[in-house]
N, C-alpha and C. Protein backbone atom coordinates (compact mmCIF):
# COMPACT_ATOMS: atom_id res chain seq x y z
N MET A 1 175.97 19.67 174.79
CA MET A 1 176.64 18.41 175.03
C MET A 1 175.57 17.37 175.32
N LEU A 2 175.56 16.33 174.56
CA LEU A 2 174.57 15.27 174.74
C LEU A 2 175.16 14.21 175.65
N LEU A 3 174.52 14.03 176.79
CA LEU A 3 174.97 12.99 177.72
C LEU A 3 174.24 11.71 177.40
N VAL A 4 174.95 10.65 177.35
CA VAL A 4 174.35 9.35 177.14
C VAL A 4 173.58 8.99 178.40
N LEU A 5 172.62 8.10 178.26
CA LEU A 5 171.78 7.68 179.37
C LEU A 5 172.57 7.46 180.64
N LEU A 6 173.67 6.79 180.53
CA LEU A 6 174.47 6.51 181.72
C LEU A 6 175.43 7.65 182.03
N GLY A 7 175.39 8.70 181.24
CA GLY A 7 176.31 9.82 181.43
C GLY A 7 176.23 10.40 182.83
N ILE A 8 175.03 10.69 183.27
CA ILE A 8 174.90 11.21 184.62
C ILE A 8 175.26 10.11 185.61
N GLY A 9 174.82 8.90 185.33
CA GLY A 9 175.05 7.79 186.25
C GLY A 9 176.51 7.42 186.41
N THR A 10 177.28 7.44 185.34
CA THR A 10 178.67 6.99 185.46
C THR A 10 179.65 8.13 185.53
N THR A 11 179.55 9.07 184.61
CA THR A 11 180.51 10.18 184.61
C THR A 11 180.38 11.01 185.87
N GLN A 12 179.15 11.37 186.21
CA GLN A 12 178.93 12.21 187.37
C GLN A 12 179.17 11.44 188.67
N ALA A 13 179.05 10.12 188.63
CA ALA A 13 179.23 9.33 189.85
C ALA A 13 180.62 9.54 190.43
N GLN A 14 181.56 9.89 189.60
CA GLN A 14 182.92 10.10 190.08
C GLN A 14 183.02 11.35 190.95
N THR A 15 182.10 12.30 190.76
CA THR A 15 182.17 13.54 191.51
C THR A 15 181.12 13.63 192.61
N ILE A 16 180.21 12.67 192.67
CA ILE A 16 179.16 12.70 193.68
C ILE A 16 179.75 12.32 195.03
N HIS A 17 179.44 13.14 196.01
CA HIS A 17 179.92 12.90 197.37
C HIS A 17 178.78 12.25 198.16
N HIS A 18 178.84 10.93 198.32
CA HIS A 18 177.75 10.21 198.96
C HIS A 18 177.60 10.57 200.44
N GLU A 19 178.65 11.06 201.06
CA GLU A 19 178.55 11.42 202.47
C GLU A 19 177.97 12.82 202.64
N LYS A 20 177.68 13.49 201.55
CA LYS A 20 177.12 14.84 201.60
C LYS A 20 175.66 14.80 201.18
N ASN A 21 174.96 15.91 201.40
CA ASN A 21 173.57 16.03 200.99
C ASN A 21 173.53 16.46 199.52
N ASN A 22 173.08 15.56 198.66
CA ASN A 22 172.95 15.83 197.23
C ASN A 22 171.47 16.00 196.90
N TYR A 23 171.16 16.95 196.03
CA TYR A 23 169.78 17.31 195.74
C TYR A 23 169.47 17.22 194.25
N LEU A 24 168.23 16.85 193.95
CA LEU A 24 167.75 16.79 192.58
C LEU A 24 166.34 17.36 192.53
N VAL A 25 166.12 18.27 191.59
CA VAL A 25 164.78 18.79 191.32
C VAL A 25 164.42 18.40 189.89
N LEU A 26 163.32 17.68 189.73
CA LEU A 26 162.75 17.40 188.42
C LEU A 26 161.63 18.41 188.22
N SER A 27 161.69 19.18 187.14
CA SER A 27 160.71 20.23 186.95
C SER A 27 160.12 20.20 185.55
N LYS A 28 158.85 20.53 185.48
CA LYS A 28 158.16 20.66 184.20
C LYS A 28 157.84 22.13 183.93
N ASN A 29 158.56 23.04 184.61
CA ASN A 29 158.28 24.47 184.46
C ASN A 29 159.57 25.27 184.60
N VAL A 30 160.02 25.88 183.50
CA VAL A 30 161.27 26.65 183.56
C VAL A 30 161.16 27.86 184.48
N GLN A 31 159.93 28.30 184.77
CA GLN A 31 159.74 29.44 185.67
C GLN A 31 160.16 29.11 187.10
N GLN A 32 160.37 27.85 187.39
CA GLN A 32 160.77 27.44 188.74
C GLN A 32 162.27 27.58 188.99
N LEU A 33 163.06 27.91 187.97
CA LEU A 33 164.50 27.95 188.17
C LEU A 33 164.93 28.95 189.23
N LYS A 34 164.34 30.14 189.23
CA LYS A 34 164.74 31.15 190.22
C LYS A 34 164.47 30.68 191.66
N PRO A 35 163.26 30.20 191.99
CA PRO A 35 163.06 29.71 193.36
C PRO A 35 163.92 28.49 193.69
N VAL A 36 164.21 27.66 192.69
CA VAL A 36 165.10 26.52 192.92
C VAL A 36 166.49 27.02 193.28
N MET A 37 166.97 28.05 192.58
CA MET A 37 168.28 28.62 192.89
C MET A 37 168.32 29.21 194.30
N GLN A 38 167.24 29.89 194.68
CA GLN A 38 167.17 30.45 196.03
C GLN A 38 167.18 29.34 197.07
N THR A 39 166.46 28.27 196.79
CA THR A 39 166.43 27.12 197.70
C THR A 39 167.80 26.48 197.81
N ALA A 40 168.48 26.32 196.68
CA ALA A 40 169.83 25.73 196.68
C ALA A 40 170.79 26.57 197.51
N ALA A 41 170.69 27.88 197.38
CA ALA A 41 171.57 28.77 198.15
C ALA A 41 171.30 28.62 199.65
N GLU A 42 170.04 28.52 200.02
CA GLU A 42 169.69 28.36 201.44
C GLU A 42 170.14 27.00 201.97
N LEU A 43 169.96 25.95 201.16
CA LEU A 43 170.42 24.63 201.58
C LEU A 43 171.94 24.60 201.74
N ALA A 44 172.65 25.26 200.84
CA ALA A 44 174.11 25.31 200.93
C ALA A 44 174.52 25.99 202.23
N LYS A 45 173.80 27.05 202.60
CA LYS A 45 174.10 27.76 203.84
C LYS A 45 173.80 26.87 205.05
N GLN A 46 172.64 26.21 205.03
CA GLN A 46 172.24 25.36 206.16
C GLN A 46 173.12 24.12 206.28
N ASP A 47 173.46 23.51 205.15
CA ASP A 47 174.24 22.27 205.17
C ASP A 47 175.72 22.50 205.45
N GLY A 48 176.22 23.67 205.10
CA GLY A 48 177.65 23.93 205.29
C GLY A 48 178.50 22.92 204.56
N ASN A 49 179.41 22.28 205.27
CA ASN A 49 180.31 21.30 204.66
C ASN A 49 179.61 20.03 204.20
N ASP A 50 178.36 19.84 204.62
CA ASP A 50 177.61 18.65 204.21
C ASP A 50 176.89 18.84 202.88
N TYR A 51 176.97 20.05 202.30
CA TYR A 51 176.31 20.34 201.02
C TYR A 51 177.11 19.70 199.90
N GLY A 52 176.42 18.95 199.05
CA GLY A 52 177.09 18.26 197.94
C GLY A 52 176.72 18.83 196.59
N GLU A 53 176.05 18.01 195.78
CA GLU A 53 175.67 18.39 194.42
C GLU A 53 174.21 18.85 194.39
N PHE A 54 173.89 19.71 193.43
CA PHE A 54 172.50 20.14 193.22
C PHE A 54 172.23 20.11 191.72
N TYR A 55 171.30 19.23 191.31
CA TYR A 55 170.94 19.07 189.91
C TYR A 55 169.49 19.49 189.70
N VAL A 56 169.23 20.09 188.55
CA VAL A 56 167.87 20.41 188.11
C VAL A 56 167.70 19.81 186.72
N ILE A 57 166.64 19.03 186.54
CA ILE A 57 166.36 18.44 185.23
C ILE A 57 164.99 18.96 184.77
N PHE A 58 164.98 19.62 183.60
CA PHE A 58 163.73 20.11 183.03
C PHE A 58 163.24 19.11 181.99
N CYS A 59 161.98 18.71 182.14
CA CYS A 59 161.35 17.74 181.25
C CYS A 59 159.99 18.26 180.80
N GLY A 60 159.49 17.69 179.73
CA GLY A 60 158.14 17.99 179.28
C GLY A 60 158.05 19.20 178.37
N LYS A 61 156.83 19.69 178.23
CA LYS A 61 156.51 20.77 177.30
C LYS A 61 157.31 22.04 177.56
N THR A 62 157.72 22.25 178.78
CA THR A 62 158.44 23.48 179.14
C THR A 62 159.73 23.66 178.36
N VAL A 63 160.30 22.57 177.83
CA VAL A 63 161.56 22.69 177.09
C VAL A 63 161.38 23.51 175.81
N GLN A 64 160.14 23.66 175.35
CA GLN A 64 159.89 24.45 174.14
C GLN A 64 160.32 25.90 174.31
N GLY A 65 160.24 26.42 175.51
CA GLY A 65 160.55 27.83 175.72
C GLY A 65 161.98 28.12 176.12
N ILE A 66 162.77 27.10 176.34
CA ILE A 66 164.11 27.30 176.88
C ILE A 66 164.97 28.21 176.02
N ILE A 67 165.03 27.95 174.73
CA ILE A 67 165.99 28.70 173.90
C ILE A 67 165.49 30.09 173.53
N LYS A 68 164.21 30.40 173.82
CA LYS A 68 163.65 31.70 173.48
C LYS A 68 163.45 32.61 174.70
N ASP A 69 163.61 32.07 175.88
CA ASP A 69 163.33 32.81 177.12
C ASP A 69 164.61 33.41 177.66
N ASN A 70 164.82 34.70 177.38
CA ASN A 70 166.06 35.37 177.80
C ASN A 70 166.22 35.42 179.31
N ASP A 71 165.12 35.57 180.04
CA ASP A 71 165.21 35.57 181.50
C ASP A 71 165.71 34.21 182.00
N PHE A 72 165.15 33.15 181.43
CA PHE A 72 165.59 31.80 181.82
C PHE A 72 167.05 31.59 181.47
N LEU A 73 167.46 32.01 180.28
CA LEU A 73 168.85 31.82 179.86
C LEU A 73 169.81 32.55 180.79
N SER A 74 169.42 33.74 181.23
CA SER A 74 170.24 34.49 182.18
C SER A 74 170.32 33.76 183.52
N LEU A 75 169.18 33.24 183.97
CA LEU A 75 169.16 32.48 185.23
C LEU A 75 169.98 31.20 185.13
N ALA A 76 169.92 30.54 183.97
CA ALA A 76 170.69 29.30 183.79
C ALA A 76 172.18 29.59 183.89
N LYS A 77 172.59 30.73 183.38
CA LYS A 77 174.00 31.13 183.50
C LYS A 77 174.37 31.36 184.96
N GLN A 78 173.48 32.05 185.69
CA GLN A 78 173.71 32.29 187.11
C GLN A 78 173.72 30.98 187.89
N ALA A 79 172.84 30.07 187.51
CA ALA A 79 172.78 28.76 188.18
C ALA A 79 174.11 28.03 188.03
N LYS A 80 174.67 28.08 186.85
CA LYS A 80 175.96 27.42 186.62
C LYS A 80 177.04 28.06 187.48
N GLU A 81 177.02 29.38 187.60
CA GLU A 81 177.98 30.09 188.45
C GLU A 81 177.79 29.73 189.92
N GLN A 82 176.56 29.35 190.28
CA GLN A 82 176.22 28.95 191.65
C GLN A 82 176.50 27.46 191.86
N ASN A 83 177.09 26.81 190.87
CA ASN A 83 177.42 25.38 190.90
C ASN A 83 176.21 24.46 190.89
N LEU A 84 175.10 24.94 190.37
CA LEU A 84 173.96 24.08 190.10
C LEU A 84 174.15 23.50 188.70
N LYS A 85 173.82 22.25 188.54
CA LYS A 85 173.90 21.62 187.23
C LYS A 85 172.50 21.55 186.65
N VAL A 86 172.30 22.23 185.53
CA VAL A 86 170.99 22.29 184.88
C VAL A 86 171.00 21.38 183.66
N PHE A 87 170.05 20.45 183.64
CA PHE A 87 169.92 19.49 182.55
C PHE A 87 168.58 19.68 181.85
N VAL A 88 168.55 19.30 180.58
CA VAL A 88 167.33 19.29 179.79
C VAL A 88 167.13 17.87 179.28
N CYS A 89 165.91 17.38 179.39
CA CYS A 89 165.60 16.00 178.98
C CYS A 89 165.61 15.86 177.46
N GLY A 90 166.44 14.96 176.98
CA GLY A 90 166.54 14.70 175.55
C GLY A 90 165.27 14.12 174.96
N LEU A 91 164.55 13.30 175.74
CA LEU A 91 163.27 12.77 175.24
C LEU A 91 162.29 13.89 174.97
N SER A 92 162.27 14.88 175.85
CA SER A 92 161.38 16.03 175.66
C SER A 92 161.81 16.85 174.45
N LEU A 93 163.11 17.05 174.29
CA LEU A 93 163.59 17.79 173.12
C LEU A 93 163.16 17.08 171.84
N LYS A 94 163.31 15.77 171.83
CA LYS A 94 162.94 14.98 170.65
C LYS A 94 161.45 15.09 170.37
N LYS A 95 160.65 14.97 171.43
CA LYS A 95 159.19 15.03 171.26
C LYS A 95 158.76 16.36 170.65
N PHE A 96 159.40 17.44 171.07
CA PHE A 96 159.01 18.77 170.60
C PHE A 96 159.91 19.28 169.47
N GLU A 97 160.67 18.35 168.88
CA GLU A 97 161.48 18.62 167.71
C GLU A 97 162.44 19.80 167.90
N ILE A 98 163.16 19.77 169.01
CA ILE A 98 164.17 20.78 169.31
C ILE A 98 165.53 20.11 169.18
N ASP A 99 166.41 20.72 168.43
CA ASP A 99 167.75 20.18 168.23
C ASP A 99 168.57 20.38 169.50
N PRO A 100 169.11 19.33 170.08
CA PRO A 100 169.93 19.47 171.29
C PRO A 100 171.09 20.45 171.12
N LYS A 101 171.55 20.64 169.90
CA LYS A 101 172.64 21.59 169.64
C LYS A 101 172.22 23.03 169.90
N ASP A 102 170.90 23.28 169.93
CA ASP A 102 170.40 24.63 170.18
C ASP A 102 170.35 24.98 171.67
N ILE A 103 170.57 24.00 172.52
CA ILE A 103 170.56 24.24 173.97
C ILE A 103 171.87 24.92 174.36
N PRO A 104 171.79 26.04 175.08
CA PRO A 104 173.01 26.77 175.47
C PRO A 104 173.96 25.91 176.30
N LYS A 105 175.21 26.25 176.26
CA LYS A 105 176.25 25.49 176.95
C LYS A 105 176.16 25.59 178.47
N THR A 106 175.33 26.49 178.98
CA THR A 106 175.13 26.58 180.43
C THR A 106 174.29 25.42 180.95
N MET A 107 173.71 24.66 180.01
CA MET A 107 172.89 23.50 180.36
C MET A 107 173.43 22.28 179.64
N GLU A 108 173.08 21.11 180.15
CA GLU A 108 173.48 19.87 179.50
C GLU A 108 172.23 19.09 179.12
N VAL A 109 172.32 18.37 178.03
CA VAL A 109 171.21 17.53 177.59
C VAL A 109 171.47 16.12 178.09
N THR A 110 170.47 15.56 178.72
CA THR A 110 170.55 14.17 179.16
C THR A 110 169.54 13.37 178.36
N GLU A 111 169.88 12.16 178.02
CA GLU A 111 169.03 11.37 177.12
C GLU A 111 167.62 11.17 177.68
N ASN A 112 167.51 10.83 178.96
CA ASN A 112 166.22 10.52 179.56
C ASN A 112 166.20 11.07 180.98
N GLY A 113 165.62 12.24 181.15
CA GLY A 113 165.61 12.91 182.45
C GLY A 113 164.88 12.15 183.53
N ILE A 114 163.82 11.45 183.16
CA ILE A 114 163.06 10.69 184.15
C ILE A 114 163.90 9.53 184.68
N LEU A 115 164.51 8.79 183.77
CA LEU A 115 165.36 7.68 184.18
C LEU A 115 166.52 8.19 185.03
N ASP A 116 167.12 9.29 184.62
CA ASP A 116 168.22 9.86 185.41
C ASP A 116 167.75 10.24 186.81
N GLY A 117 166.52 10.74 186.90
CA GLY A 117 165.97 11.06 188.21
C GLY A 117 165.91 9.84 189.11
N PHE A 118 165.44 8.73 188.57
CA PHE A 118 165.41 7.49 189.34
C PHE A 118 166.82 7.03 189.72
N GLN A 119 167.74 7.08 188.76
CA GLN A 119 169.11 6.64 189.03
C GLN A 119 169.76 7.47 190.13
N LEU A 120 169.57 8.78 190.07
CA LEU A 120 170.16 9.65 191.09
C LEU A 120 169.51 9.44 192.45
N THR A 121 168.20 9.19 192.45
CA THR A 121 167.52 8.89 193.72
C THR A 121 168.09 7.63 194.33
N LYS A 122 168.34 6.61 193.50
CA LYS A 122 168.94 5.37 194.01
C LYS A 122 170.34 5.62 194.56
N LYS A 123 171.01 6.65 194.06
CA LYS A 123 172.36 6.98 194.54
C LYS A 123 172.33 7.86 195.79
N GLY A 124 171.13 8.13 196.29
CA GLY A 124 171.02 8.86 197.55
C GLY A 124 170.67 10.33 197.42
N PHE A 125 170.41 10.82 196.22
CA PHE A 125 170.00 12.21 196.07
C PHE A 125 168.64 12.42 196.72
N ILE A 126 168.49 13.54 197.39
CA ILE A 126 167.19 13.95 197.93
C ILE A 126 166.46 14.57 196.75
N THR A 127 165.29 14.01 196.41
CA THR A 127 164.63 14.36 195.15
C THR A 127 163.24 14.94 195.39
N ILE A 128 162.92 15.96 194.59
CA ILE A 128 161.58 16.54 194.60
C ILE A 128 161.19 16.81 193.15
N THR A 129 159.91 16.64 192.87
CA THR A 129 159.37 16.96 191.54
C THR A 129 158.41 18.13 191.68
N ILE A 130 158.64 19.15 190.86
CA ILE A 130 157.76 20.33 190.91
C ILE A 130 157.26 20.67 189.52
């Protein structure tokens, strides 16, 4: 599913709970998904009812390995079951000539992951880049 630039900003804004702790991880390494999932689980436990949304956006060269890495694909499925939203940067897909249609349905393609990171930060998401 290709999200338009404002897709995260407008569509997701309807479900964002501003009174809760919302998190965003921008990553250039798909190997970080497992520790990110562990961190999200711990934050959910610590935050309790204050836990909101948790997004992960993968950008850069790492997107080249997404569709071929079975371990990552399995983790992405688990992440979705854990209510983490995993996104892949469309600019990165374009740069490395990867068809967005090849991205599994457990992840969503966003047009510009960096811009979305800024937009979500402005909406109050606690953001880290790894």
